[in-house]
Amino acid sequence: MALSKTVIDSLDDAKAALRNALAYAARNERPMVCESIAKILFTVESIESSECIMDTLDNLKSKNGDGENPFGKFDF
């Protein structure tokens, strides 16, 4: 299930606010504060890509609903 437009818009707003906070923190705050903001920003940015990966895996699963491996057979 893809993310809704409202969620994507809210995530974009959050990313913009975090980038702004990181820019100000880089000038005035301790490095730990910058690191924390950067980690939060990374986590927010990874939500969209993770959702895309999960959608791709769901599509592969639904196309091969017979239990077959979509990547072929492996001889292990």
Protein backbone atom coordinates (compact mmCIF):
# COMPACT_ATOMS: atom_id res chain seq x y z
CA MET A 1 0.00 0.00 0.00
CA ALA A 2 1.57 3.25 -1.10
CA LEU A 3 1.74 6.20 1.23
CA SER A 4 -1.11 8.65 0.87
CA LYS A 5 -0.50 12.13 -0.49
CA THR A 6 -1.23 13.72 2.88
CA VAL A 7 1.36 11.53 4.58
CA ILE A 8 3.95 12.29 1.90
CA ASP A 9 3.22 16.02 2.20
CA SER A 10 3.54 15.86 5.98
CA LEU A 11 6.83 13.96 5.71
CA ASP A 12 8.12 16.58 3.26
CA ASP A 13 7.17 19.34 5.69
CA ALA A 14 8.91 17.51 8.52
CA LYS A 15 12.05 17.05 6.42
CA ALA A 16 12.11 20.75 5.55
CA ALA A 17 11.71 21.73 9.20
CA LEU A 18 14.42 19.30 10.29
CA ARG A 19 16.83 20.59 7.64
CA ASN A 20 16.16 24.12 8.84
CA ALA A 21 16.74 23.09 12.46
CA LEU A 22 19.95 21.32 11.47
CA ALA A 23 21.23 24.43 9.71
CA TYR A 24 20.65 26.58 12.79
CA ALA A 25 21.99 23.92 15.13
CA ALA A 26 25.19 23.65 13.11
CA ARG A 27 25.93 27.29 13.91
CA ASN A 28 24.92 27.47 17.56
CA GLU A 29 24.57 24.08 19.22
CA ARG A 30 26.77 21.25 20.37
CA PRO A 31 27.62 18.48 17.90
CA MET A 32 25.42 16.02 19.79
CA VAL A 33 22.36 18.12 18.95
CA CYS A 34 23.29 18.17 15.26
CA GLU A 35 23.84 14.42 15.28
CA SER A 36 20.44 13.81 16.87
CA ILE A 37 18.63 16.01 14.35
CA ALA A 38 20.48 14.32 11.48
CA LYS A 39 19.46 10.87 12.75
CA ILE A 40 15.82 11.91 12.94
CA LEU A 41 16.03 13.37 9.43
CA PHE A 42 17.54 10.13 8.11
CA THR A 43 14.76 8.11 9.72
CA VAL A 44 12.04 10.29 8.21
CA GLU A 45 13.68 10.12 4.77
CA SER A 46 13.93 6.34 4.94
CA ILE A 47 10.17 5.93 5.46
CA GLU A 48 9.31 6.59 1.81
CA SER A 49 12.02 4.32 0.42
CA SER A 50 11.12 1.54 2.85
CA GLU A 51 7.49 1.78 1.83
CA CYS A 52 8.49 1.55 -1.84
CA ILE A 53 10.55 -1.58 -1.16
CA MET A 54 7.67 -3.17 0.76
CA ASP A 55 5.28 -2.41 -2.13
CA THR A 56 7.68 -4.07 -4.57
CA LEU A 57 7.92 -7.17 -2.40
CA ASP A 58 4.13 -7.31 -2.02
CA ASN A 59 3.74 -7.11 -5.81
CA LEU A 60 6.21 -9.96 -6.31
CA LYS A 61 4.38 -12.02 -3.71
CA SER A 62 0.97 -11.42 -5.29
CA LYS A 63 2.22 -12.29 -8.80
CA ASN A 64 3.61 -15.60 -7.59
CA GLY A 65 0.91 -16.58 -5.14
CA ASP A 66 1.53 -20.27 -5.76
CA GLY A 67 4.44 -20.30 -3.33
CA GLU A 68 7.11 -20.32 -6.03
CA ASN A 69 10.20 -18.23 -5.47
CA PRO A 70 10.05 -15.17 -7.79
CA PHE A 71 13.83 -15.32 -8.18
CA GLY A 72 13.97 -18.88 -9.46
CA LYS A 73 14.99 -22.16 -7.90
CA PHE A 74 18.15 -22.43 -5.87
CA ASP A 75 20.06 -25.68 -5.46
CA PHE A 76 21.28 -25.49 -1.89
